[in-house]
Amino acid sequence: MTTSPPCSRPTADQLLEAARTAASRAYAPYSSFPVGAALLTGGGRVVTCCNVENAAYPLGLCAERGAVSTMVAADETDRTIAAVAIVGLRGAPCYPCGGCRQVLREFGCIDVIVESEDGTPISIPFETLLPHSFGPESLNPTPTHENKDN
């Protein structure tokens, strides 16, 4: 799991490359399905993570949820997710599972970028992956993701 300092906005290709690098570090001995995610925070940082499986299947960690956890733990000031790139190393587009979609939704994910079979970036508006979703504003009319000292 890594986080980089703010820089100029990365391109879809750069986010996919960061996700590919993360996927190469995955621990996936049971499914042989390595996945990497690279998310771009509202503050311009790129945060990456890979999937980590466990013999007790439900205890595995998806790359996307790991990246979100890393973003939160890194004390990111702006916890909005501008984009997330997801790469599976099997040569086909790798979309987030339902649980990851809901976690990404919590932090206002705007775009999801996956890689086509030929490596071309495919950018998908998040709301097409989780339409009519439940989110923080469903409970509170003014959601906030800022890091507040309690």
N, C-alpha and C. Protein backbone atom coordinates (compact mmCIF):
# COMPACT_ATOMS: atom_id res chain seq x y z
N MET A 1 0.85 -1.16 0.00
CA MET A 1 0.00 0.00 0.00
C MET A 1 0.90 1.23 0.00
N THR A 2 0.64 2.13 -0.92
CA THR A 2 1.46 3.34 -0.98
C THR A 2 0.58 4.56 -1.13
N THR A 3 1.16 5.68 -0.80
CA THR A 3 0.52 6.97 -1.03
C THR A 3 1.60 7.91 -1.53
N SER A 4 1.29 8.71 -2.51
CA SER A 4 2.29 9.63 -3.07
C SER A 4 1.91 11.05 -2.73
N PRO A 5 2.89 11.96 -2.77
CA PRO A 5 2.57 13.36 -2.49
C PRO A 5 1.72 13.95 -3.61
N PRO A 6 1.02 15.06 -3.32
CA PRO A 6 0.23 15.70 -4.38
C PRO A 6 1.13 16.07 -5.55
N CYS A 7 0.62 15.93 -6.74
CA CYS A 7 1.37 16.28 -7.94
C CYS A 7 0.37 16.71 -8.99
N SER A 8 0.86 16.94 -10.20
CA SER A 8 -0.08 17.26 -11.26
C SER A 8 -1.00 16.07 -11.46
N ARG A 9 -2.21 16.33 -11.90
CA ARG A 9 -3.22 15.27 -12.03
C ARG A 9 -2.71 14.17 -12.96
N PRO A 10 -2.65 12.94 -12.44
CA PRO A 10 -2.19 11.84 -13.28
C PRO A 10 -3.19 11.51 -14.38
N THR A 11 -2.68 10.97 -15.44
CA THR A 11 -3.54 10.55 -16.54
C THR A 11 -4.12 9.17 -16.21
N ALA A 12 -5.11 8.77 -16.98
CA ALA A 12 -5.69 7.43 -16.82
C ALA A 12 -4.61 6.37 -16.98
N ASP A 13 -3.71 6.57 -17.95
CA ASP A 13 -2.63 5.60 -18.16
C ASP A 13 -1.72 5.50 -16.94
N GLN A 14 -1.43 6.64 -16.31
CA GLN A 14 -0.57 6.63 -15.12
C GLN A 14 -1.26 5.95 -13.95
N LEU A 15 -2.55 6.19 -13.79
CA LEU A 15 -3.28 5.51 -12.72
C LEU A 15 -3.34 4.01 -12.98
N LEU A 16 -3.55 3.61 -14.23
CA LEU A 16 -3.56 2.19 -14.55
C LEU A 16 -2.20 1.56 -14.28
N GLU A 17 -1.13 2.26 -14.60
CA GLU A 17 0.21 1.74 -14.35
C GLU A 17 0.44 1.56 -12.85
N ALA A 18 -0.01 2.52 -12.05
CA ALA A 18 0.12 2.40 -10.59
C ALA A 18 -0.70 1.20 -10.09
N ALA A 19 -1.88 0.99 -10.64
CA ALA A 19 -2.72 -0.15 -10.26
C ALA A 19 -2.06 -1.46 -10.70
N ARG A 20 -1.44 -1.47 -11.88
CA ARG A 20 -0.74 -2.66 -12.37
C ARG A 20 0.40 -3.04 -11.43
N THR A 21 1.16 -2.02 -11.01
CA THR A 21 2.26 -2.26 -10.08
C THR A 21 1.73 -2.84 -8.77
N ALA A 22 0.65 -2.28 -8.26
CA ALA A 22 0.05 -2.81 -7.04
C ALA A 22 -0.41 -4.25 -7.24
N ALA A 23 -1.04 -4.54 -8.38
CA ALA A 23 -1.51 -5.90 -8.65
C ALA A 23 -0.37 -6.90 -8.66
N SER A 24 0.80 -6.47 -9.11
CA SER A 24 1.96 -7.37 -9.16
C SER A 24 2.41 -7.77 -7.75
N ARG A 25 1.94 -7.06 -6.74
CA ARG A 25 2.30 -7.35 -5.35
C ARG A 25 1.19 -8.11 -4.61
N ALA A 26 0.12 -8.44 -5.31
CA ALA A 26 -1.03 -9.09 -4.67
C ALA A 26 -0.66 -10.43 -4.05
N TYR A 27 -1.40 -10.77 -3.02
CA TYR A 27 -1.29 -12.09 -2.39
C TYR A 27 -2.60 -12.81 -2.71
N ALA A 28 -2.56 -13.62 -3.77
CA ALA A 28 -3.78 -14.28 -4.25
C ALA A 28 -3.52 -15.77 -4.52
N PRO A 29 -3.06 -16.52 -3.50
CA PRO A 29 -2.73 -17.93 -3.73
C PRO A 29 -3.94 -18.83 -3.95
N TYR A 30 -5.13 -18.39 -3.59
CA TYR A 30 -6.32 -19.24 -3.69
C TYR A 30 -7.08 -19.02 -4.99
N SER A 31 -7.24 -17.78 -5.38
CA SER A 31 -7.99 -17.49 -6.61
C SER A 31 -7.08 -17.32 -7.82
N SER A 32 -5.81 -17.06 -7.58
CA SER A 32 -4.88 -16.70 -8.66
C SER A 32 -5.43 -15.53 -9.47
N PHE A 33 -6.07 -14.60 -8.77
CA PHE A 33 -6.69 -13.44 -9.40
C PHE A 33 -6.14 -12.17 -8.74
N PRO A 34 -4.90 -11.79 -9.12
CA PRO A 34 -4.31 -10.59 -8.53
C PRO A 34 -4.99 -9.32 -9.05
N VAL A 35 -5.27 -8.40 -8.14
CA VAL A 35 -5.92 -7.14 -8.48
C VAL A 35 -5.17 -6.00 -7.80
N GLY A 36 -5.05 -4.89 -8.52
CA GLY A 36 -4.47 -3.68 -7.94
C GLY A 36 -5.41 -2.52 -8.18
N ALA A 37 -5.39 -1.58 -7.25
CA ALA A 37 -6.20 -0.37 -7.38
C ALA A 37 -5.33 0.84 -7.10
N ALA A 38 -5.58 1.90 -7.84
CA ALA A 38 -4.91 3.19 -7.60
C ALA A 38 -6.00 4.24 -7.59
N LEU A 39 -6.16 4.90 -6.46
CA LEU A 39 -7.19 5.94 -6.42
C LEU A 39 -6.54 7.31 -6.34
N LEU A 40 -7.20 8.25 -6.98
CA LEU A 40 -6.77 9.65 -6.99
C LEU A 40 -7.65 10.39 -6.00
N THR A 41 -7.05 10.95 -4.97
CA THR A 41 -7.82 11.68 -3.97
C THR A 41 -8.14 13.08 -4.45
N GLY A 42 -9.09 13.70 -3.79
CA GLY A 42 -9.44 15.08 -4.12
C GLY A 42 -8.27 16.02 -3.91
N GLY A 43 -7.33 15.64 -3.05
CA GLY A 43 -6.14 16.45 -2.80
C GLY A 43 -5.02 16.19 -3.79
N GLY A 44 -5.24 15.30 -4.76
CA GLY A 44 -4.25 15.04 -5.80
C GLY A 44 -3.26 13.93 -5.50
N ARG A 45 -3.45 13.21 -4.43
CA ARG A 45 -2.55 12.10 -4.12
C ARG A 45 -3.04 10.82 -4.80
N VAL A 46 -2.08 9.96 -5.11
CA VAL A 46 -2.40 8.63 -5.64
C VAL A 46 -2.13 7.62 -4.53
N VAL A 47 -3.12 6.82 -4.21
CA VAL A 47 -3.03 5.81 -3.16
C VAL A 47 -3.27 4.45 -3.81
N THR A 48 -2.39 3.49 -3.54
CA THR A 48 -2.52 2.18 -4.17
C THR A 48 -2.64 1.07 -3.13
N CYS A 49 -3.17 -0.05 -3.58
CA CYS A 49 -3.24 -1.25 -2.76
C CYS A 49 -3.51 -2.45 -3.68
N CYS A 50 -3.25 -3.63 -3.16
CA CYS A 50 -3.54 -4.87 -3.90
C CYS A 50 -4.47 -5.73 -3.06
N ASN A 51 -5.02 -6.76 -3.69
CA ASN A 51 -5.85 -7.68 -2.92
C ASN A 51 -4.97 -8.61 -2.09
N VAL A 52 -5.48 -8.99 -0.93
CA VAL A 52 -4.77 -9.88 -0.02
C VAL A 52 -5.78 -10.95 0.41
N GLU A 53 -5.56 -12.17 -0.05
CA GLU A 53 -6.49 -13.25 0.26
C GLU A 53 -6.13 -13.93 1.58
N ASN A 54 -7.07 -14.72 2.07
CA ASN A 54 -6.88 -15.45 3.31
C ASN A 54 -7.55 -16.81 3.14
N ALA A 55 -6.98 -17.82 3.78
CA ALA A 55 -7.56 -19.17 3.67
C ALA A 55 -9.01 -19.18 4.17
N ALA A 56 -9.34 -18.33 5.12
CA ALA A 56 -10.73 -18.16 5.54
C ALA A 56 -11.32 -17.11 4.61
N TYR A 57 -11.89 -17.56 3.50
CA TYR A 57 -12.27 -16.69 2.38
C TYR A 57 -12.89 -15.34 2.73
N PRO A 58 -13.84 -15.25 3.62
CA PRO A 58 -14.45 -13.92 3.82
C PRO A 58 -13.49 -12.89 4.40
N LEU A 59 -12.33 -13.32 4.87
CA LEU A 59 -11.40 -12.38 5.50
C LEU A 59 -10.44 -11.72 4.51
N GLY A 60 -10.54 -12.04 3.25
CA GLY A 60 -9.68 -11.41 2.25
C GLY A 60 -9.99 -9.92 2.13
N LEU A 61 -9.05 -9.19 1.57
CA LEU A 61 -9.20 -7.75 1.38
C LEU A 61 -9.10 -7.42 -0.11
N CYS A 62 -10.11 -6.77 -0.63
CA CYS A 62 -10.08 -6.31 -2.02
C CYS A 62 -9.13 -5.12 -2.15
N ALA A 63 -8.55 -4.97 -3.32
CA ALA A 63 -7.61 -3.87 -3.57
C ALA A 63 -8.26 -2.51 -3.37
N GLU A 64 -9.49 -2.36 -3.83
CA GLU A 64 -10.16 -1.06 -3.74
C GLU A 64 -10.41 -0.66 -2.29
N ARG A 65 -10.90 -1.60 -1.50
CA ARG A 65 -11.17 -1.29 -0.09
C ARG A 65 -9.87 -1.04 0.67
N GLY A 66 -8.82 -1.76 0.29
CA GLY A 66 -7.52 -1.51 0.91
C GLY A 66 -6.99 -0.12 0.60
N ALA A 67 -7.19 0.32 -0.64
CA ALA A 67 -6.73 1.66 -1.02
C ALA A 67 -7.52 2.74 -0.27
N VAL A 68 -8.82 2.53 -0.11
CA VAL A 68 -9.63 3.49 0.65
C VAL A 68 -9.15 3.54 2.10
N SER A 69 -8.90 2.38 2.70
CA SER A 69 -8.40 2.34 4.08
C SER A 69 -7.06 3.05 4.21
N THR A 70 -6.19 2.85 3.23
CA THR A 70 -4.89 3.51 3.24
C THR A 70 -5.06 5.02 3.15
N MET A 71 -5.98 5.47 2.29
CA MET A 71 -6.24 6.91 2.16
C MET A 71 -6.68 7.49 3.50
N VAL A 72 -7.60 6.82 4.17
CA VAL A 72 -8.10 7.32 5.44
C VAL A 72 -6.99 7.31 6.49
N ALA A 73 -6.23 6.22 6.55
CA ALA A 73 -5.15 6.11 7.54
C ALA A 73 -4.02 7.11 7.30
N ALA A 74 -3.86 7.54 6.06
CA ALA A 74 -2.80 8.50 5.72
C ALA A 74 -3.15 9.92 6.13
N ASP A 75 -4.31 10.09 6.79
CA ASP A 75 -4.73 11.40 7.28
C ASP A 75 -4.94 12.38 6.12
N GLU A 76 -5.47 11.86 5.04
CA GLU A 76 -5.75 12.69 3.87
C GLU A 76 -6.78 13.76 4.23
N THR A 77 -6.48 15.01 3.93
CA THR A 77 -7.38 16.11 4.26
C THR A 77 -8.66 16.04 3.44
N ASP A 78 -8.52 15.86 2.12
CA ASP A 78 -9.68 15.75 1.24
C ASP A 78 -9.87 14.28 0.90
N ARG A 79 -10.85 13.67 1.50
CA ARG A 79 -11.06 12.23 1.31
C ARG A 79 -12.01 11.91 0.17
N THR A 80 -12.24 12.85 -0.70
CA THR A 80 -13.05 12.58 -1.88
C THR A 80 -12.20 11.79 -2.87
N ILE A 81 -12.81 10.81 -3.51
CA ILE A 81 -12.10 10.03 -4.53
C ILE A 81 -12.49 10.58 -5.88
N ALA A 82 -11.52 11.16 -6.58
CA ALA A 82 -11.78 11.72 -7.91
C ALA A 82 -11.88 10.60 -8.95
N ALA A 83 -11.02 9.59 -8.80
CA ALA A 83 -11.02 8.48 -9.76
C ALA A 83 -10.34 7.28 -9.11
N VAL A 84 -10.67 6.11 -9.59
CA VAL A 84 -9.99 4.89 -9.17
C VAL A 84 -9.72 4.05 -10.41
N ALA A 85 -8.48 3.58 -10.53
CA ALA A 85 -8.11 2.67 -11.61
C ALA A 85 -7.97 1.28 -11.00
N ILE A 86 -8.50 0.29 -11.70
CA ILE A 86 -8.49 -1.09 -11.21
C ILE A 86 -7.94 -1.99 -12.30
N VAL A 87 -6.95 -2.81 -11.93
CA VAL A 87 -6.35 -3.72 -12.89
C VAL A 87 -6.30 -5.12 -12.29
N GLY A 88 -6.79 -6.09 -13.06
CA GLY A 88 -6.61 -7.50 -12.75
C GLY A 88 -5.60 -8.02 -13.76
N LEU A 89 -4.73 -8.89 -13.36
CA LEU A 89 -3.66 -9.32 -14.26
C LEU A 89 -4.05 -10.50 -15.14
N ARG A 90 -5.32 -10.57 -15.51
CA ARG A 90 -5.78 -11.66 -16.38
C ARG A 90 -6.08 -11.19 -17.80
N GLY A 91 -5.85 -9.91 -18.09
CA GLY A 91 -6.03 -9.42 -19.45
C GLY A 91 -7.44 -9.04 -19.84
N ALA A 92 -8.34 -8.94 -18.89
CA ALA A 92 -9.72 -8.52 -19.16
C ALA A 92 -10.07 -7.39 -18.20
N PRO A 93 -11.04 -6.57 -18.56
CA PRO A 93 -11.44 -5.50 -17.63
C PRO A 93 -11.82 -6.08 -16.27
N CYS A 94 -11.43 -5.38 -15.22
CA CYS A 94 -11.68 -5.83 -13.85
C CYS A 94 -12.49 -4.74 -13.14
N TYR A 95 -13.76 -5.01 -12.95
CA TYR A 95 -14.66 -4.04 -12.33
C TYR A 95 -14.76 -4.31 -10.83
N PRO A 96 -15.05 -3.29 -10.02
CA PRO A 96 -15.14 -3.51 -8.58
C PRO A 96 -16.36 -4.36 -8.21
N CYS A 97 -16.20 -5.18 -7.18
CA CYS A 97 -17.32 -5.98 -6.68
C CYS A 97 -18.34 -5.06 -6.03
N GLY A 98 -19.48 -5.60 -5.68
CA GLY A 98 -20.54 -4.79 -5.08
C GLY A 98 -20.13 -4.11 -3.78
N GLY A 99 -19.44 -4.85 -2.91
CA GLY A 99 -18.99 -4.26 -1.65
C GLY A 99 -18.04 -3.11 -1.87
N CYS A 100 -17.12 -3.27 -2.82
CA CYS A 100 -16.17 -2.19 -3.12
C CYS A 100 -16.88 -0.99 -3.74
N ARG A 101 -17.87 -1.25 -4.56
CA ARG A 101 -18.64 -0.14 -5.14
C ARG A 101 -19.27 0.69 -4.04
N GLN A 102 -19.82 0.03 -3.03
CA GLN A 102 -20.45 0.77 -1.93
C GLN A 102 -19.41 1.55 -1.13
N VAL A 103 -18.24 0.97 -0.88
CA VAL A 103 -17.19 1.67 -0.14
C VAL A 103 -16.68 2.86 -0.95
N LEU A 104 -16.48 2.69 -2.25
CA LEU A 104 -16.05 3.81 -3.09
C LEU A 104 -17.12 4.90 -3.10
N ARG A 105 -18.37 4.50 -3.12
CA ARG A 105 -19.48 5.45 -3.12
C ARG A 105 -19.48 6.32 -1.87
N GLU A 106 -19.08 5.75 -0.75
CA GLU A 106 -19.02 6.47 0.52
C GLU A 106 -18.15 7.72 0.42
N PHE A 107 -17.11 7.64 -0.42
CA PHE A 107 -16.17 8.75 -0.54
C PHE A 107 -16.32 9.50 -1.85
N GLY A 108 -17.48 9.39 -2.46
CA GLY A 108 -17.81 10.22 -3.62
C GLY A 108 -17.02 9.92 -4.87
N CYS A 109 -16.71 8.66 -5.12
CA CYS A 109 -15.95 8.31 -6.32
C CYS A 109 -16.64 8.85 -7.57
N ILE A 110 -15.86 9.47 -8.45
CA ILE A 110 -16.41 10.09 -9.65
C ILE A 110 -16.25 9.20 -10.88
N ASP A 111 -15.03 8.71 -11.10
CA ASP A 111 -14.75 7.90 -12.29
C ASP A 111 -14.06 6.59 -11.91
N VAL A 112 -14.41 5.53 -12.62
CA VAL A 112 -13.74 4.25 -12.49
C VAL A 112 -13.04 3.99 -13.81
N ILE A 113 -11.76 3.64 -13.73
CA ILE A 113 -10.96 3.39 -14.93
C ILE A 113 -10.51 1.93 -14.88
N VAL A 114 -10.83 1.19 -15.92
CA VAL A 114 -10.37 -0.18 -16.05
C VAL A 114 -9.61 -0.29 -17.36
N GLU A 115 -8.95 -1.42 -17.52
CA GLU A 115 -8.12 -1.64 -18.70
C GLU A 115 -8.82 -2.62 -19.63
N SER A 116 -8.92 -2.26 -20.91
CA SER A 116 -9.51 -3.18 -21.89
C SER A 116 -8.53 -4.31 -22.18
N GLU A 117 -8.97 -5.29 -22.95
CA GLU A 117 -8.11 -6.41 -23.30
C GLU A 117 -6.81 -5.97 -23.96
N ASP A 118 -6.86 -4.87 -24.73
CA ASP A 118 -5.65 -4.40 -25.42
C ASP A 118 -4.90 -3.33 -24.62
N GLY A 119 -5.31 -3.09 -23.37
CA GLY A 119 -4.60 -2.15 -22.51
C GLY A 119 -5.10 -0.72 -22.59
N THR A 120 -6.11 -0.47 -23.41
CA THR A 120 -6.67 0.88 -23.54
C THR A 120 -7.50 1.21 -22.30
N PRO A 121 -7.35 2.42 -21.75
CA PRO A 121 -8.17 2.79 -20.60
C PRO A 121 -9.65 2.91 -20.97
N ILE A 122 -10.50 2.39 -20.11
CA ILE A 122 -11.95 2.55 -20.23
C ILE A 122 -12.39 3.33 -19.00
N SER A 123 -12.93 4.52 -19.20
CA SER A 123 -13.39 5.35 -18.09
C SER A 123 -14.91 5.29 -18.00
N ILE A 124 -15.39 4.99 -16.80
CA ILE A 124 -16.82 4.81 -16.59
C ILE A 124 -17.27 5.74 -15.47
N PRO A 125 -18.30 6.55 -15.71
CA PRO A 125 -18.83 7.36 -14.61
C PRO A 125 -19.34 6.43 -13.50
N PHE A 126 -18.95 6.72 -12.28
CA PHE A 126 -19.27 5.82 -11.17
C PHE A 126 -20.76 5.51 -11.05
N GLU A 127 -21.59 6.52 -11.25
CA GLU A 127 -23.03 6.31 -11.03
C GLU A 127 -23.61 5.25 -11.98
N THR A 128 -22.93 4.94 -13.08
CA THR A 128 -23.42 3.87 -13.95
C THR A 128 -23.16 2.49 -13.34
N LEU A 129 -22.17 2.39 -12.44
CA LEU A 129 -21.87 1.11 -11.79
C LEU A 129 -22.72 0.86 -10.55
N LEU A 130 -23.22 1.95 -9.95
CA LEU A 130 -24.04 1.81 -8.75
C LEU A 130 -25.15 2.86 -8.78
N PRO A 131 -26.11 2.66 -9.69
CA PRO A 131 -27.18 3.67 -9.82
C PRO A 131 -28.11 3.66 -8.61
N HIS A 132 -28.74 4.79 -8.37
CA HIS A 132 -29.73 4.91 -7.30
C HIS A 132 -29.18 4.40 -5.97
N SER A 133 -27.96 4.80 -5.67
CA SER A 133 -27.25 4.25 -4.51
C SER A 133 -27.58 4.95 -3.20
N PHE A 134 -27.27 4.25 -2.14
CA PHE A 134 -27.40 4.76 -0.78
C PHE A 134 -26.05 5.30 -0.36
N GLY A 135 -26.01 6.51 0.17
CA GLY A 135 -24.74 7.10 0.58
C GLY A 135 -24.90 7.97 1.81
N PRO A 136 -23.83 8.66 2.20
CA PRO A 136 -23.86 9.47 3.42
C PRO A 136 -25.00 10.48 3.43
N GLU A 137 -25.29 11.07 2.29
CA GLU A 137 -26.35 12.08 2.26
C GLU A 137 -27.73 11.47 2.49
N SER A 138 -27.84 10.16 2.36
CA SER A 138 -29.10 9.49 2.67
C SER A 138 -29.41 9.56 4.16
N LEU A 139 -28.37 9.69 4.97
CA LEU A 139 -28.52 9.78 6.42
C LEU A 139 -28.38 11.20 6.94
N ASN A 140 -27.60 12.00 6.22
CA ASN A 140 -27.26 13.35 6.66
C ASN A 140 -27.29 14.25 5.44
N PRO A 141 -28.07 15.30 5.44
CA PRO A 141 -28.17 16.14 4.24
C PRO A 141 -26.87 16.87 3.87
N THR A 142 -25.90 16.94 4.77
CA THR A 142 -24.63 17.59 4.45
C THR A 142 -23.48 16.66 4.81
N PRO A 143 -23.18 15.67 3.93
CA PRO A 143 -22.12 14.71 4.24
C PRO A 143 -20.76 15.39 4.27
N THR A 144 -19.89 14.84 5.07
CA THR A 144 -18.54 15.37 5.15
C THR A 144 -17.55 14.22 5.25
N HIS A 145 -16.45 14.36 4.54
CA HIS A 145 -15.40 13.35 4.57
C HIS A 145 -14.11 13.94 5.12
N GLU A 146 -14.16 15.20 5.55
CA GLU A 146 -12.96 15.84 6.05
C GLU A 146 -12.52 15.16 7.34
N ASN A 147 -11.23 15.21 7.58
CA ASN A 147 -10.67 14.65 8.80
C ASN A 147 -10.87 15.67 9.91
N LYS A 148 -11.73 15.35 10.85
CA LYS A 148 -12.03 16.25 11.96
C LYS A 148 -11.38 15.72 13.23
N ASP A 149 -10.75 16.60 13.99
CA ASP A 149 -10.23 16.21 15.30
C ASP A 149 -11.40 16.13 16.26
N ASN A 150 -11.50 15.05 16.98
CA ASN A 150 -12.60 14.88 17.94
C ASN A 150 -12.13 15.15 19.34
